[in-house]
Amino acid sequence: MYIYNVTINIEESVHDEWMQWMQEIHIPEMLATKKFSAAKMCRVMVEEEMGGVTYSVQYTTDSKETLQRYYAEDAERMRSDGLKRFANKFVAFRTELAVISNH
């Protein structure tokens, strides 16, 4: 199992609009690609010097191959909507996590 983790710092001026978009549009569209079986959104409990609010969104997928298919088939389209809506209002970075065990 893999987790595709997206960490985002969003400016407070667009926070509420962004949160609604994430929960009602973006995350459901990510799941609709059928490449992820679940999504978990967490607030990062650290105050950043740059301000804003930071979140980690973790999308669960079955394999590295499925994640590669997401990159090839969906990633550009999925990223572009957020870039258009919230240009210059957020920073994001992505990491891939391999699940070692669940307890």
PDB file of N, CA and C in Angstrom:
ATOM      1  N   MET A   1       0.839  -1.166   0.000  1.00  0.00           N
ATOM      2  CA  MET A   1       0.000   0.000   0.000  1.00  0.00           C
ATOM      3  C   MET A   1       0.893   1.241   0.000  1.00  0.00           C
ATOM      4  N   TYR A   2       0.450   2.271  -0.731  1.00  0.00           N
ATOM      5  CA  TYR A   2       1.169   3.536  -0.813  1.00  0.00           C
ATOM      6  C   TYR A   2       0.252   4.672  -0.378  1.00  0.00           C
ATOM      7  N   ILE A   3       0.879   5.730   0.090  1.00  0.00           N
ATOM      8  CA  ILE A   3       0.156   6.958   0.391  1.00  0.00           C
ATOM      9  C   ILE A   3       0.785   8.076  -0.427  1.00  0.00           C
ATOM     10  N   TYR A   4      -0.047   8.785  -1.159  1.00  0.00           N
ATOM     11  CA  TYR A   4       0.353   9.976  -1.887  1.00  0.00           C
ATOM     12  C   TYR A   4      -0.016  11.140  -0.986  1.00  0.00           C
ATOM     13  N   ASN A   5       0.986  11.781  -0.417  1.00  0.00           N
ATOM     14  CA  ASN A   5       0.772  12.836   0.569  1.00  0.00           C
ATOM     15  C   ASN A   5       1.007  14.195  -0.080  1.00  0.00           C
ATOM     16  N   VAL A   6       0.027  15.081   0.061  1.00  0.00           N
ATOM     17  CA  VAL A   6       0.162  16.453  -0.423  1.00  0.00           C
ATOM     18  C   VAL A   6       0.069  17.370   0.792  1.00  0.00           C
ATOM     19  N   THR A   7       1.145  18.125   1.038  1.00  0.00           N
ATOM     20  CA  THR A   7       1.168  19.072   2.143  1.00  0.00           C
ATOM     21  C   THR A   7       0.996  20.465   1.550  1.00  0.00           C
ATOM     22  N   ILE A   8       0.020  21.203   2.070  1.00  0.00           N
ATOM     23  CA  ILE A   8      -0.345  22.502   1.513  1.00  0.00           C
ATOM     24  C   ILE A   8      -0.403  23.545   2.616  1.00  0.00           C
ATOM     25  N   ASN A   9       0.205  24.688   2.368  1.00  0.00           N
ATOM     26  CA  ASN A   9       0.039  25.854   3.233  1.00  0.00           C
ATOM     27  C   ASN A   9      -0.806  26.849   2.443  1.00  0.00           C
ATOM     28  N   ILE A  10      -1.972  27.182   2.989  1.00  0.00           N
ATOM     29  CA  ILE A  10      -2.917  28.056   2.302  1.00  0.00           C
ATOM     30  C   ILE A  10      -3.043  29.376   3.062  1.00  0.00           C
ATOM     31  N   GLU A  11      -3.067  30.475   2.330  1.00  0.00           N
ATOM     32  CA  GLU A  11      -3.208  31.786   2.958  1.00  0.00           C
ATOM     33  C   GLU A  11      -4.570  31.891   3.637  1.00  0.00           C
ATOM     34  N   GLU A  12      -4.585  32.569   4.765  1.00  0.00           N
ATOM     35  CA  GLU A  12      -5.829  32.712   5.524  1.00  0.00           C
ATOM     36  C   GLU A  12      -6.897  33.475   4.755  1.00  0.00           C
ATOM     37  N   SER A  13      -6.511  34.369   3.849  1.00  0.00           N
ATOM     38  CA  SER A  13      -7.479  35.177   3.092  1.00  0.00           C
ATOM     39  C   SER A  13      -8.397  34.331   2.202  1.00  0.00           C
ATOM     40  N   VAL A  14      -7.959  33.135   1.817  1.00  0.00           N
ATOM     41  CA  VAL A  14      -8.776  32.256   0.966  1.00  0.00           C
ATOM     42  C   VAL A  14      -9.034  30.906   1.635  1.00  0.00           C
ATOM     43  N   HIS A  15      -8.702  30.805   2.909  1.00  0.00           N
ATOM     44  CA  HIS A  15      -8.785  29.524   3.618  1.00  0.00           C
ATOM     45  C   HIS A  15     -10.166  28.891   3.531  1.00  0.00           C
ATOM     46  N   ASP A  16     -11.212  29.627   3.851  1.00  0.00           N
ATOM     47  CA  ASP A  16     -12.552  29.031   3.903  1.00  0.00           C
ATOM     48  C   ASP A  16     -13.010  28.568   2.519  1.00  0.00           C
ATOM     49  N   GLU A  17     -12.757  29.381   1.505  1.00  0.00           N
ATOM     50  CA  GLU A  17     -13.116  29.012   0.135  1.00  0.00           C
ATOM     51  C   GLU A  17     -12.341  27.766  -0.297  1.00  0.00           C
ATOM     52  N   TRP A  18     -11.047  27.736   0.021  1.00  0.00           N
ATOM     53  CA  TRP A  18     -10.205  26.594  -0.320  1.00  0.00           C
ATOM     54  C   TRP A  18     -10.682  25.324   0.389  1.00  0.00           C
ATOM     55  N   MET A  19     -10.996  25.449   1.670  1.00  0.00           N
ATOM     56  CA  MET A  19     -11.448  24.282   2.440  1.00  0.00           C
ATOM     57  C   MET A  19     -12.729  23.708   1.847  1.00  0.00           C
ATOM     58  N   GLN A  20     -13.659  24.568   1.479  1.00  0.00           N
ATOM     59  CA  GLN A  20     -14.903  24.096   0.866  1.00  0.00           C
ATOM     60  C   GLN A  20     -14.609  23.407  -0.464  1.00  0.00           C
ATOM     61  N   TRP A  21     -13.754  24.011  -1.283  1.00  0.00           N
ATOM     62  CA  TRP A  21     -13.378  23.419  -2.571  1.00  0.00           C
ATOM     63  C   TRP A  21     -12.706  22.062  -2.375  1.00  0.00           C
ATOM     64  N   MET A  22     -11.798  21.966  -1.412  1.00  0.00           N
ATOM     65  CA  MET A  22     -11.120  20.695  -1.163  1.00  0.00           C
ATOM     66  C   MET A  22     -12.115  19.609  -0.790  1.00  0.00           C
ATOM     67  N   GLN A  23     -12.998  19.900   0.152  1.00  0.00           N
ATOM     68  CA  GLN A  23     -13.895  18.874   0.674  1.00  0.00           C
ATOM     69  C   GLN A  23     -15.041  18.527  -0.272  1.00  0.00           C
ATOM     70  N   GLU A  24     -15.520  19.509  -1.032  1.00  0.00           N
ATOM     71  CA  GLU A  24     -16.689  19.263  -1.872  1.00  0.00           C
ATOM     72  C   GLU A  24     -16.342  18.944  -3.320  1.00  0.00           C
ATOM     73  N   ILE A  25     -15.171  19.384  -3.786  1.00  0.00           N
ATOM     74  CA  ILE A  25     -14.833  19.199  -5.199  1.00  0.00           C
ATOM     75  C   ILE A  25     -13.549  18.396  -5.386  1.00  0.00           C
ATOM     76  N   HIS A  26     -12.426  18.905  -4.871  1.00  0.00           N
ATOM     77  CA  HIS A  26     -11.133  18.309  -5.212  1.00  0.00           C
ATOM     78  C   HIS A  26     -10.953  16.886  -4.687  1.00  0.00           C
ATOM     79  N   ILE A  27     -11.160  16.669  -3.414  1.00  0.00           N
ATOM     80  CA  ILE A  27     -10.970  15.319  -2.869  1.00  0.00           C
ATOM     81  C   ILE A  27     -11.941  14.328  -3.519  1.00  0.00           C
ATOM     82  N   PRO A  28     -13.237  14.661  -3.672  1.00  0.00           N
ATOM     83  CA  PRO A  28     -14.112  13.715  -4.388  1.00  0.00           C
ATOM     84  C   PRO A  28     -13.643  13.437  -5.821  1.00  0.00           C
ATOM     85  N   GLU A  29     -13.105  14.458  -6.512  1.00  0.00           N
ATOM     86  CA  GLU A  29     -12.605  14.231  -7.870  1.00  0.00           C
ATOM     87  C   GLU A  29     -11.355  13.344  -7.863  1.00  0.00           C
ATOM     88  N   MET A  30     -10.509  13.514  -6.867  1.00  0.00           N
ATOM     89  CA  MET A  30      -9.341  12.632  -6.742  1.00  0.00           C
ATOM     90  C   MET A  30      -9.795  11.189  -6.562  1.00  0.00           C
ATOM     91  N   LEU A  31     -10.759  10.961  -5.701  1.00  0.00           N
ATOM     92  CA  LEU A  31     -11.263   9.609  -5.470  1.00  0.00           C
ATOM     93  C   LEU A  31     -11.969   9.070  -6.709  1.00  0.00           C
ATOM     94  N   ALA A  32     -12.587   9.950  -7.487  1.00  0.00           N
ATOM     95  CA  ALA A  32     -13.297   9.532  -8.699  1.00  0.00           C
ATOM     96  C   ALA A  32     -12.344   9.030  -9.791  1.00  0.00           C
ATOM     97  N   THR A  33     -11.052   9.326  -9.687  1.00  0.00           N
ATOM     98  CA  THR A  33     -10.097   8.776 -10.654  1.00  0.00           C
ATOM     99  C   THR A  33      -9.986   7.261 -10.508  1.00  0.00           C
ATOM    100  N   LYS A  34     -10.477   6.732  -9.393  1.00  0.00           N
ATOM    101  CA  LYS A  34     -10.419   5.293  -9.076  1.00  0.00           C
ATOM    102  C   LYS A  34      -8.995   4.807  -8.815  1.00  0.00           C
ATOM    103  N   LYS A  35      -8.092   5.736  -8.600  1.00  0.00           N
ATOM    104  CA  LYS A  35      -6.704   5.358  -8.327  1.00  0.00           C
ATOM    105  C   LYS A  35      -6.408   5.393  -6.829  1.00  0.00           C
ATOM    106  N   PHE A  36      -7.342   5.931  -6.060  1.00  0.00           N
ATOM    107  CA  PHE A  36      -7.174   6.036  -4.613  1.00  0.00           C
ATOM    108  C   PHE A  36      -8.397   5.444  -3.929  1.00  0.00           C
ATOM    109  N   SER A  37      -8.155   4.704  -2.862  1.00  0.00           N
ATOM    110  CA  SER A  37      -9.261   4.058  -2.152  1.00  0.00           C
ATOM    111  C   SER A  37      -9.774   4.889  -0.980  1.00  0.00           C
ATOM    112  N   ALA A  38      -8.981   5.855  -0.524  1.00  0.00           N
ATOM    113  CA  ALA A  38      -9.389   6.678   0.614  1.00  0.00           C
ATOM    114  C   ALA A  38      -8.565   7.958   0.625  1.00  0.00           C
ATOM    115  N   ALA A  39      -9.096   8.954   1.331  1.00  0.00           N
ATOM    116  CA  ALA A  39      -8.367  10.208   1.515  1.00  0.00           C
ATOM    117  C   ALA A  39      -8.558  10.654   2.953  1.00  0.00           C
ATOM    118  N   LYS A  40      -7.489  11.138   3.534  1.00  0.00           N
ATOM    119  CA  LYS A  40      -7.528  11.644   4.911  1.00  0.00           C
ATOM    120  C   LYS A  40      -6.932  13.044   4.885  1.00  0.00           C
ATOM    121  N   MET A  41      -7.643  14.009   5.457  1.00  0.00           N
ATOM    122  CA  MET A  41      -7.163  15.389   5.519  1.00  0.00           C
ATOM    123  C   MET A  41      -6.864  15.730   6.973  1.00  0.00           C
ATOM    124  N   CYS A  42      -5.639  16.208   7.222  1.00  0.00           N
ATOM    125  CA  CYS A  42      -5.200  16.523   8.573  1.00  0.00           C
ATOM    126  C   CYS A  42      -4.656  17.953   8.622  1.00  0.00           C
ATOM    127  N   ARG A  43      -4.917  18.624   9.687  1.00  0.00           N
ATOM    128  CA  ARG A  43      -4.290  19.925   9.895  1.00  0.00           C
ATOM    129  C   ARG A  43      -2.936  19.690  10.552  1.00  0.00           C
ATOM    130  N   VAL A  44      -1.904  20.337  10.026  1.00  0.00           N
ATOM    131  CA  VAL A  44      -0.570  20.255  10.602  1.00  0.00           C
ATOM    132  C   VAL A  44      -0.516  21.240  11.757  1.00  0.00           C
ATOM    133  N   MET A  45      -0.214  20.743  12.941  1.00  0.00           N
ATOM    134  CA  MET A  45      -0.308  21.555  14.154  1.00  0.00           C
ATOM    135  C   MET A  45       1.007  22.278  14.469  1.00  0.00           C
ATOM    136  N   VAL A  46       1.527  22.971  13.457  1.00  0.00           N
ATOM    137  CA  VAL A  46       2.737  23.770  13.621  1.00  0.00           C
ATOM    138  C   VAL A  46       2.455  25.123  13.000  1.00  0.00           C
ATOM    139  N   GLU A  47       2.813  26.193  13.694  1.00  0.00           N
ATOM    140  CA  GLU A  47       2.648  27.520  13.117  1.00  0.00           C
ATOM    141  C   GLU A  47       3.852  27.832  12.247  1.00  0.00           C
ATOM    142  N   GLU A  48       3.579  28.204  11.013  1.00  0.00           N
ATOM    143  CA  GLU A  48       4.630  28.534  10.066  1.00  0.00           C
ATOM    144  C   GLU A  48       4.986  30.010  10.170  1.00  0.00           C
ATOM    145  N   GLU A  49       6.262  30.321  10.054  1.00  0.00           N
ATOM    146  CA  GLU A  49       6.697  31.713  10.067  1.00  0.00           C
ATOM    147  C   GLU A  49       6.031  32.517   8.961  1.00  0.00           C
ATOM    148  N   MET A  50       5.780  31.885   7.817  1.00  0.00           N
ATOM    149  CA  MET A  50       5.181  32.585   6.685  1.00  0.00           C
ATOM    150  C   MET A  50       3.686  32.827   6.877  1.00  0.00           C
ATOM    151  N   GLY A  51       3.104  32.279   7.954  1.00  0.00           N
ATOM    152  CA  GLY A  51       1.672  32.418   8.178  1.00  0.00           C
ATOM    153  C   GLY A  51       0.900  31.340   7.451  1.00  0.00           C
ATOM    154  N   GLY A  52      -0.374  31.565   7.291  1.00  0.00           N
ATOM    155  CA  GLY A  52      -1.231  30.588   6.641  1.00  0.00           C
ATOM    156  C   GLY A  52      -1.525  29.398   7.529  1.00  0.00           C
ATOM    157  N   VAL A  53      -2.242  28.462   6.972  1.00  0.00           N
ATOM    158  CA  VAL A  53      -2.626  27.239   7.673  1.00  0.00           C
ATOM    159  C   VAL A  53      -2.138  26.064   6.826  1.00  0.00           C
ATOM    160  N   THR A  54      -1.551  25.071   7.474  1.00  0.00           N
ATOM    161  CA  THR A  54      -0.958  23.948   6.749  1.00  0.00           C
ATOM    162  C   THR A  54      -1.769  22.676   6.968  1.00  0.00           C
ATOM    163  N   TYR A  55      -1.951  21.942   5.880  1.00  0.00           N
ATOM    164  CA  TYR A  55      -2.688  20.681   5.898  1.00  0.00           C
ATOM    165  C   TYR A  55      -1.887  19.599   5.190  1.00  0.00           C
ATOM    166  N   SER A  56      -2.152  18.374   5.586  1.00  0.00           N
ATOM    167  CA  SER A  56      -1.636  17.200   4.894  1.00  0.00           C
ATOM    168  C   SER A  56      -2.851  16.411   4.411  1.00  0.00           C
ATOM    169  N   VAL A  57      -2.875  16.135   3.121  1.00  0.00           N
ATOM    170  CA  VAL A  57      -3.942  15.305   2.568  1.00  0.00           C
ATOM    171  C   VAL A  57      -3.287  14.019   2.088  1.00  0.00           C
ATOM    172  N   GLN A  58      -3.752  12.902   2.623  1.00  0.00           N
ATOM    173  CA  GLN A  58      -3.139  11.604   2.353  1.00  0.00           C
ATOM    174  C   GLN A  58      -4.115  10.735   1.568  1.00  0.00           C
ATOM    175  N   TYR A  59      -3.705  10.412   0.343  1.00  0.00           N
ATOM    176  CA  TYR A  59      -4.515   9.581  -0.543  1.00  0.00           C
ATOM    177  C   TYR A  59      -3.919   8.176  -0.564  1.00  0.00           C
ATOM    178  N   THR A  60      -4.709   7.183  -0.222  1.00  0.00           N
ATOM    179  CA  THR A  60      -4.256   5.792  -0.175  1.00  0.00           C
ATOM    180  C   THR A  60      -4.445   5.140  -1.539  1.00  0.00           C
ATOM    181  N   THR A  61      -3.398   4.450  -1.993  1.00  0.00           N
ATOM    182  CA  THR A  61      -3.461   3.721  -3.262  1.00  0.00           C
ATOM    183  C   THR A  61      -2.842   2.339  -3.070  1.00  0.00           C
ATOM    184  N   ASP A  62      -3.159   1.440  -3.983  1.00  0.00           N
ATOM    185  CA  ASP A  62      -2.742   0.050  -3.790  1.00  0.00           C
ATOM    186  C   ASP A  62      -1.295  -0.233  -4.168  1.00  0.00           C
ATOM    187  N   SER A  63      -0.704   0.601  -5.048  1.00  0.00           N
ATOM    188  CA  SER A  63       0.651   0.272  -5.505  1.00  0.00           C
ATOM    189  C   SER A  63       1.344   1.475  -6.122  1.00  0.00           C
ATOM    190  N   LYS A  64       2.624   1.351  -6.279  1.00  0.00           N
ATOM    191  CA  LYS A  64       3.434   2.358  -6.965  1.00  0.00           C
ATOM    192  C   LYS A  64       2.969   2.484  -8.419  1.00  0.00           C
ATOM    193  N   GLU A  65       2.602   1.382  -9.033  1.00  0.00           N
ATOM    194  CA  GLU A  65       2.148   1.390 -10.422  1.00  0.00           C
ATOM    195  C   GLU A  65       0.864   2.204 -10.588  1.00  0.00           C
ATOM    196  N   THR A  66      -0.060   2.051  -9.661  1.00  0.00           N
ATOM    197  CA  THR A  66      -1.301   2.828  -9.725  1.00  0.00           C
ATOM    198  C   THR A  66      -1.002   4.305  -9.545  1.00  0.00           C
ATOM    199  N   LEU A  67      -0.095   4.616  -8.651  1.00  0.00           N
ATOM    200  CA  LEU A  67       0.296   6.016  -8.442  1.00  0.00           C
ATOM    201  C   LEU A  67       0.944   6.569  -9.722  1.00  0.00           C
ATOM    202  N   GLN A  68       1.758   5.790 -10.391  1.00  0.00           N
ATOM    203  CA  GLN A  68       2.364   6.228 -11.646  1.00  0.00           C
ATOM    204  C   GLN A  68       1.300   6.476 -12.716  1.00  0.00           C
ATOM    205  N   ARG A  69       0.265   5.653 -12.726  1.00  0.00           N
ATOM    206  CA  ARG A  69      -0.849   5.872 -13.662  1.00  0.00           C
ATOM    207  C   ARG A  69      -1.565   7.181 -13.348  1.00  0.00           C
ATOM    208  N   TYR A  70      -1.722   7.494 -12.058  1.00  0.00           N
ATOM    209  CA  TYR A  70      -2.318   8.784 -11.675  1.00  0.00           C
ATOM    210  C   TYR A  70      -1.472   9.928 -12.236  1.00  0.00           C
ATOM    211  N   TYR A  71      -0.155   9.858 -12.043  1.00  0.00           N
ATOM    212  CA  TYR A  71       0.720  10.913 -12.564  1.00  0.00           C
ATOM    213  C   TYR A  71       0.557  11.070 -14.079  1.00  0.00           C
ATOM    214  N   ALA A  72       0.518   9.953 -14.783  1.00  0.00           N
ATOM    215  CA  ALA A  72       0.454   9.989 -16.250  1.00  0.00           C
ATOM    216  C   ALA A  72      -0.913  10.422 -16.783  1.00  0.00           C
ATOM    217  N   GLU A  73      -1.984  10.011 -16.100  1.00  0.00           N
ATOM    218  CA  GLU A  73      -3.330  10.200 -16.635  1.00  0.00           C
ATOM    219  C   GLU A  73      -4.119  11.344 -16.019  1.00  0.00           C
ATOM    220  N   ASP A  74      -3.826  11.720 -14.773  1.00  0.00           N
ATOM    221  CA  ASP A  74      -4.708  12.636 -14.050  1.00  0.00           C
ATOM    222  C   ASP A  74      -4.038  13.829 -13.380  1.00  0.00           C
ATOM    223  N   ALA A  75      -2.772  13.715 -13.024  1.00  0.00           N
ATOM    224  CA  ALA A  75      -2.147  14.708 -12.145  1.00  0.00           C
ATOM    225  C   ALA A  75      -2.202  16.125 -12.703  1.00  0.00           C
ATOM    226  N   GLU A  76      -1.885  16.296 -13.964  1.00  0.00           N
ATOM    227  CA  GLU A  76      -1.862  17.648 -14.529  1.00  0.00           C
ATOM    228  C   GLU A  76      -3.238  18.309 -14.442  1.00  0.00           C
ATOM    229  N   ARG A  77      -4.256  17.576 -14.816  1.00  0.00           N
ATOM    230  CA  ARG A  77      -5.625  18.106 -14.760  1.00  0.00           C
ATOM    231  C   ARG A  77      -6.049  18.409 -13.323  1.00  0.00           C
ATOM    232  N   MET A  78      -5.736  17.502 -12.409  1.00  0.00           N
ATOM    233  CA  MET A  78      -6.153  17.692 -11.019  1.00  0.00           C
ATOM    234  C   MET A  78      -5.440  18.878 -10.367  1.00  0.00           C
ATOM    235  N   ARG A  79      -4.199  19.110 -10.721  1.00  0.00           N
ATOM    236  CA  ARG A  79      -3.441  20.222 -10.139  1.00  0.00           C
ATOM    237  C   ARG A  79      -3.842  21.561 -10.736  1.00  0.00           C
ATOM    238  N   SER A  80      -4.232  21.578 -12.006  1.00  0.00           N
ATOM    239  CA  SER A  80      -4.473  22.842 -12.690  1.00  0.00           C
ATOM    240  C   SER A  80      -5.661  23.616 -12.118  1.00  0.00           C
ATOM    241  N   ASP A  81      -6.706  22.928 -11.682  1.00  0.00           N
ATOM    242  CA  ASP A  81      -7.873  23.621 -11.132  1.00  0.00           C
ATOM    243  C   ASP A  81      -7.495  24.428  -9.892  1.00  0.00           C
ATOM    244  N   GLY A  82      -6.752  23.826  -8.991  1.00  0.00           N
ATOM    245  CA  GLY A  82      -6.316  24.533  -7.785  1.00  0.00           C
ATOM    246  C   GLY A  82      -5.395  25.691  -8.104  1.00  0.00           C
ATOM    247  N   LEU A  83      -4.522  25.495  -9.087  1.00  0.00           N
ATOM    248  CA  LEU A  83      -3.613  26.571  -9.488  1.00  0.00           C
ATOM    249  C   LEU A  83      -4.395  27.759 -10.026  1.00  0.00           C
ATOM    250  N   LYS A  84      -5.442  27.499 -10.802  1.00  0.00           N
ATOM    251  CA  LYS A  84      -6.258  28.590 -11.340  1.00  0.00           C
ATOM    252  C   LYS A  84      -7.041  29.300 -10.237  1.00  0.00           C
ATOM    253  N   ARG A  85      -7.659  28.523  -9.368  1.00  0.00           N
ATOM    254  CA  ARG A  85      -8.519  29.107  -8.330  1.00  0.00           C
ATOM    255  C   ARG A  85      -7.743  29.856  -7.257  1.00  0.00           C
ATOM    256  N   PHE A  86      -6.580  29.334  -6.899  1.00  0.00           N
ATOM    257  CA  PHE A  86      -5.858  29.870  -5.739  1.00  0.00           C
ATOM    258  C   PHE A  86      -4.430  30.279  -6.078  1.00  0.00           C
ATOM    259  N   ALA A  87      -4.232  30.807  -7.271  1.00  0.00           N
ATOM    260  CA  ALA A  87      -2.901  31.212  -7.738  1.00  0.00           C
ATOM    261  C   ALA A  87      -2.230  32.151  -6.746  1.00  0.00           C
ATOM    262  N   ASN A  88      -0.991  31.840  -6.423  1.00  0.00           N
ATOM    263  CA  ASN A  88      -0.165  32.658  -5.520  1.00  0.00           C
ATOM    264  C   ASN A  88      -0.710  32.750  -4.099  1.00  0.00           C
ATOM    265  N   LYS A  89      -1.606  31.854  -3.727  1.00  0.00           N
ATOM    266  CA  LYS A  89      -2.194  31.862  -2.375  1.00  0.00           C
ATOM    267  C   LYS A  89      -1.819  30.629  -1.577  1.00  0.00           C
ATOM    268  N   PHE A  90      -1.001  29.747  -2.151  1.00  0.00           N
ATOM    269  CA  PHE A  90      -0.627  28.526  -1.443  1.00  0.00           C
ATOM    270  C   PHE A  90       0.732  28.042  -1.928  1.00  0.00           C
ATOM    271  N   VAL A  91       1.338  27.221  -1.100  1.00  0.00           N
ATOM    272  CA  VAL A  91       2.512  26.444  -1.509  1.00  0.00           C
ATOM    273  C   VAL A  91       2.201  24.995  -1.181  1.00  0.00           C
ATOM    274  N   ALA A  92       2.724  24.095  -2.011  1.00  0.00           N
ATOM    275  CA  ALA A  92       2.444  22.678  -1.803  1.00  0.00           C
ATOM    276  C   ALA A  92       3.673  21.858  -2.152  1.00  0.00           C
ATOM    277  N   PHE A  93       3.802  20.736  -1.460  1.00  0.00           N
ATOM    278  CA  PHE A  93       4.793  19.749  -1.872  1.00  0.00           C
ATOM    279  C   PHE A  93       4.194  18.368  -1.677  1.00  0.00           C
ATOM    280  N   ARG A  94       4.698  17.454  -2.458  1.00  0.00           N
ATOM    281  CA  ARG A  94       4.139  16.105  -2.485  1.00  0.00           C
ATOM    282  C   ARG A  94       5.204  15.089  -2.103  1.00  0.00           C
ATOM    283  N   THR A  95       4.785  14.066  -1.379  1.00  0.00           N
ATOM    284  CA  THR A  95       5.683  12.976  -1.025  1.00  0.00           C
ATOM    285  C   THR A  95       4.944  11.653  -1.225  1.00  0.00           C
ATOM    286  N   GLU A  96       5.711  10.627  -1.496  1.00  0.00           N
ATOM    287  CA  GLU A  96       5.173   9.274  -1.607  1.00  0.00           C
ATOM    288  C   GLU A  96       5.627   8.493  -0.379  1.00  0.00           C
ATOM    289  N   LEU A  97       4.696   7.789   0.221  1.00  0.00           N
ATOM    290  CA  LEU A  97       4.990   6.998   1.414  1.00  0.00           C
ATOM    291  C   LEU A  97       4.631   5.547   1.136  1.00  0.00           C
ATOM    292  N   ALA A  98       5.515   4.658   1.476  1.00  0.00           N
ATOM    293  CA  ALA A  98       5.244   3.223   1.405  1.00  0.00           C
ATOM    294  C   ALA A  98       4.846   2.777   2.807  1.00  0.00           C
ATOM    295  N   VAL A  99       3.674   2.185   2.929  1.00  0.00           N
ATOM    296  CA  VAL A  99       3.185   1.721   4.224  1.00  0.00           C
ATOM    297  C   VAL A  99       3.941   0.438   4.583  1.00  0.00           C
ATOM    298  N   ILE A 100       4.577   0.463   5.742  1.00  0.00           N
ATOM    299  CA  ILE A 100       5.334  -0.694   6.230  1.00  0.00           C
ATOM    300  C   ILE A 100       4.432  -1.612   7.043  1.00  0.00           C
ATOM    301  N   SER A 101       3.636  -1.014   7.922  1.00  0.00           N
ATOM    302  CA  SER A 101       2.710  -1.841   8.713  1.00  0.00           C
ATOM    303  C   SER A 101       1.601  -0.964   9.286  1.00  0.00           C
ATOM    304  N   ASN A 102       0.516  -1.615   9.619  1.00  0.00           N
ATOM    305  CA  ASN A 102      -0.615  -1.002  10.323  1.00  0.00           C
ATOM    306  C   ASN A 102      -0.795  -1.753  11.634  1.00  0.00           C
ATOM    307  N   HIS A 103      -1.061  -1.033  12.690  1.00  0.00           N
ATOM    308  CA  HIS A 103      -1.265  -1.693  13.990  1.00  0.00           C
ATOM    309  C   HIS A 103      -2.594  -1.294  14.578  1.00  0.00           C
TER     310      HIS A 103
END
